[in-house]
C-alpha atoms as a PDB file:
ATOM      1  CA  MET A   1     107.874  94.717  73.913  1.00  0.00           C
ATOM      2  CA  THR A   2     109.227  93.191  70.224  1.00  0.00           C
ATOM      3  CA  ARG A   3     110.488  95.495  67.341  1.00  0.00           C
ATOM      4  CA  ARG A   4     107.057  94.942  65.767  1.00  0.00           C
ATOM      5  CA  GLU A   5     105.062  95.712  68.243  1.00  0.00           C
ATOM      6  CA  LEU A   6     106.935  99.378  68.587  1.00  0.00           C
ATOM      7  CA  ILE A   7     107.062 100.131  65.196  1.00  0.00           C
ATOM      8  CA  GLU A   8     102.874  99.440  64.924  1.00  0.00           C
ATOM      9  CA  TYR A   9     102.648 101.309  68.121  1.00  0.00           C
ATOM     10  CA  LEU A  10     104.501 104.348  66.832  1.00  0.00           C
ATOM     11  CA  ASP A  11     102.374 103.357  63.095  1.00  0.00           C
ATOM     12  CA  ALA A  12      99.628 104.233  65.827  1.00  0.00           C
ATOM     13  CA  ALA A  13     100.217 106.925  68.544  1.00  0.00           C
ATOM     14  CA  GLN A  14     103.575 108.619  67.141  1.00  0.00           C
ATOM     15  CA  ASP A  15     105.319 108.376  70.557  1.00  0.00           C
ATOM     16  CA  LEU A  16     105.818 106.293  73.057  1.00  0.00           C
ATOM     17  CA  THR A  17     107.220 107.113  76.987  1.00  0.00           C
ATOM     18  CA  PHE A  18     107.711 103.642  79.039  1.00  0.00           C
ATOM     19  CA  SER A  19     109.693 103.217  82.152  1.00  0.00           C
ATOM     20  CA  TYR A  20     113.016 101.298  82.923  1.00  0.00           C
ATOM     21  CA  LYS A  21     115.029 100.729  86.396  1.00  0.00           C
ATOM     22  CA  GLY A  22     113.235 103.677  87.369  1.00  0.00           C
ATOM     23  CA  HIS A  23     113.392 106.307  85.329  1.00  0.00           C
ATOM     24  CA  TRP A  24     111.147 107.194  82.416  1.00  0.00           C
ATOM     25  CA  TYR A  25     112.459 106.976  78.295  1.00  0.00           C
ATOM     26  CA  PHE A  26     110.651 108.009  75.229  1.00  0.00           C
ATOM     27  CA  ILE A  27     110.791 107.943  71.988  1.00  0.00           C
ATOM     28  CA  GLY A  28     109.035 109.454  68.823  1.00  0.00           C
ATOM     29  CA  GLU A  29     108.268 110.377  65.961  1.00  0.00           C
ATOM     30  CA  VAL A  30     109.581 114.015  64.880  1.00  0.00           C
ATOM     31  CA  PHE A  31     107.633 116.562  64.746  1.00  0.00           C
ATOM     32  CA  ASP A  32     107.681 120.125  62.828  1.00  0.00           C
ATOM     33  CA  SER A  33     106.251 122.411  64.717  1.00  0.00           C
ATOM     34  CA  LYS A  34     107.010 124.972  61.216  1.00  0.00           C
ATOM     35  CA  THR A  35     104.998 123.162  59.221  1.00  0.00           C
ATOM     36  CA  GLY A  36     102.753 121.124  61.735  1.00  0.00           C
ATOM     37  CA  VAL A  37     103.566 117.734  60.080  1.00  0.00           C
ATOM     38  CA  TYR A  38     105.719 115.029  61.135  1.00  0.00           C
ATOM     39  CA  ASN A  39     108.933 114.673  58.879  1.00  0.00           C
ATOM     40  CA  ASP A  40     108.841 112.879  55.723  1.00  0.00           C
ATOM     41  CA  PRO A  41     110.463 110.361  55.240  1.00  0.00           C
ATOM     42  CA  THR A  42     110.442 110.107  59.035  1.00  0.00           C
ATOM     43  CA  GLU A  43     112.794 110.724  61.595  1.00  0.00           C
ATOM     44  CA  TYR A  44     112.566 109.612  65.101  1.00  0.00           C
ATOM     45  CA  THR A  45     113.264 111.581  68.334  1.00  0.00           C
ATOM     46  CA  CYS A  46     114.622 109.345  71.647  1.00  0.00           C
ATOM     47  CA  GLY A  47     116.150 110.447  75.287  1.00  0.00           C
ATOM     48  CA  ARG A  48     115.445 110.279  78.597  1.00  0.00           C
ATOM     49  CA  ALA A  49     112.190 112.141  80.138  1.00  0.00           C
ATOM     50  CA  ASP A  50     113.234 114.094  82.697  1.00  0.00           C
ATOM     51  CA  THR A  51     116.251 115.772  81.089  1.00  0.00           C
ATOM     52  CA  ASP A  52     117.306 117.439  77.879  1.00  0.00           C
ATOM     53  CA  ASP A  53     117.987 114.658  76.206  1.00  0.00           C
ATOM     54  CA  ASP A  54     116.967 114.795  72.575  1.00  0.00           C
ATOM     55  CA  TYR A  55     118.597 112.437  69.748  1.00  0.00           C
ATOM     56  CA  ARG A  56     117.621 111.983  66.201  1.00  0.00           C
ATOM     57  CA  TYR A  57     117.597 109.524  64.672  1.00  0.00           C
ATOM     58  CA  SER A  58     116.850 108.550  60.501  1.00  0.00           C
ATOM     59  CA  SER A  59     115.454 104.585  61.623  1.00  0.00           C
ATOM     60  CA  ILE A  60     113.481 103.066  63.988  1.00  0.00           C
ATOM     61  CA  ASP A  61     116.762 100.345  63.306  1.00  0.00           C
ATOM     62  CA  GLU A  62     119.682 103.238  63.878  1.00  0.00           C
ATOM     63  CA  ALA A  63     117.297 104.814  67.437  1.00  0.00           C
ATOM     64  CA  LEU A  64     117.683 100.199  68.183  1.00  0.00           C
ATOM     65  CA  ALA A  65     121.398 100.169  67.455  1.00  0.00           C
ATOM     66  CA  ASN A  66     122.982 103.364  68.789  1.00  0.00           C
ATOM     67  CA  PHE A  67     120.320 105.268  71.340  1.00  0.00           C
ATOM     68  CA  LYS A  68     121.753 103.983  74.860  1.00  0.00           C
ATOM     69  CA  ILE A  69     119.496 103.442  77.952  1.00  0.00           C
ATOM     70  CA  MET A  70     121.713 102.974  81.068  1.00  0.00           C
ATOM     71  CA  GLY A  71     124.967 102.008  78.887  1.00  0.00           C
ATOM     72  CA  ARG A  72     122.983  99.541  76.544  1.00  0.00           C
ATOM     73  CA  PRO A  73     121.467  99.933  73.482  1.00  0.00           C
ATOM     74  CA  PHE A  74     117.539 100.381  73.281  1.00  0.00           C
ATOM     75  CA  LYS A  75     117.245  96.983  71.017  1.00  0.00           C
ATOM     76  CA  ASP A  76     118.696  95.020  73.950  1.00  0.00           C
ATOM     77  CA  ILE A  77     116.198  96.270  77.203  1.00  0.00           C
ATOM     78  CA  LEU A  78     113.022  96.629  74.457  1.00  0.00           C
ATOM     79  CA  PRO A  79     111.922  93.293  75.079  1.00  0.00           C
ATOM     80  CA  ASP A  80     112.052  94.490  79.089  1.00  0.00           C
ATOM     81  CA  ILE A  81     109.793  97.077  78.506  1.00  0.00           C
ATOM     82  CA  ASP A  82     105.880  96.381  80.023  1.00  0.00           C
ATOM     83  CA  TRP A  83     103.563  98.361  77.718  1.00  0.00           C
END
């Protein structure tokens, strides 16, 4: 998956769950349950699906650079994601 493909997917679906080396992870737009709308400007939440991990980032590029998967930045494993 490329950065562009990720952005296009999130624009359409608002979230993505994916498997990497036997573990499930997620990235998605932050939804405000009080207002019933997605945050504007868009924020992103990332984490490992079977834990309480929930990291928030103010942009997709911040999430790609700072969210770590098995010690590696998300941007480094993005090409390995089959979707």
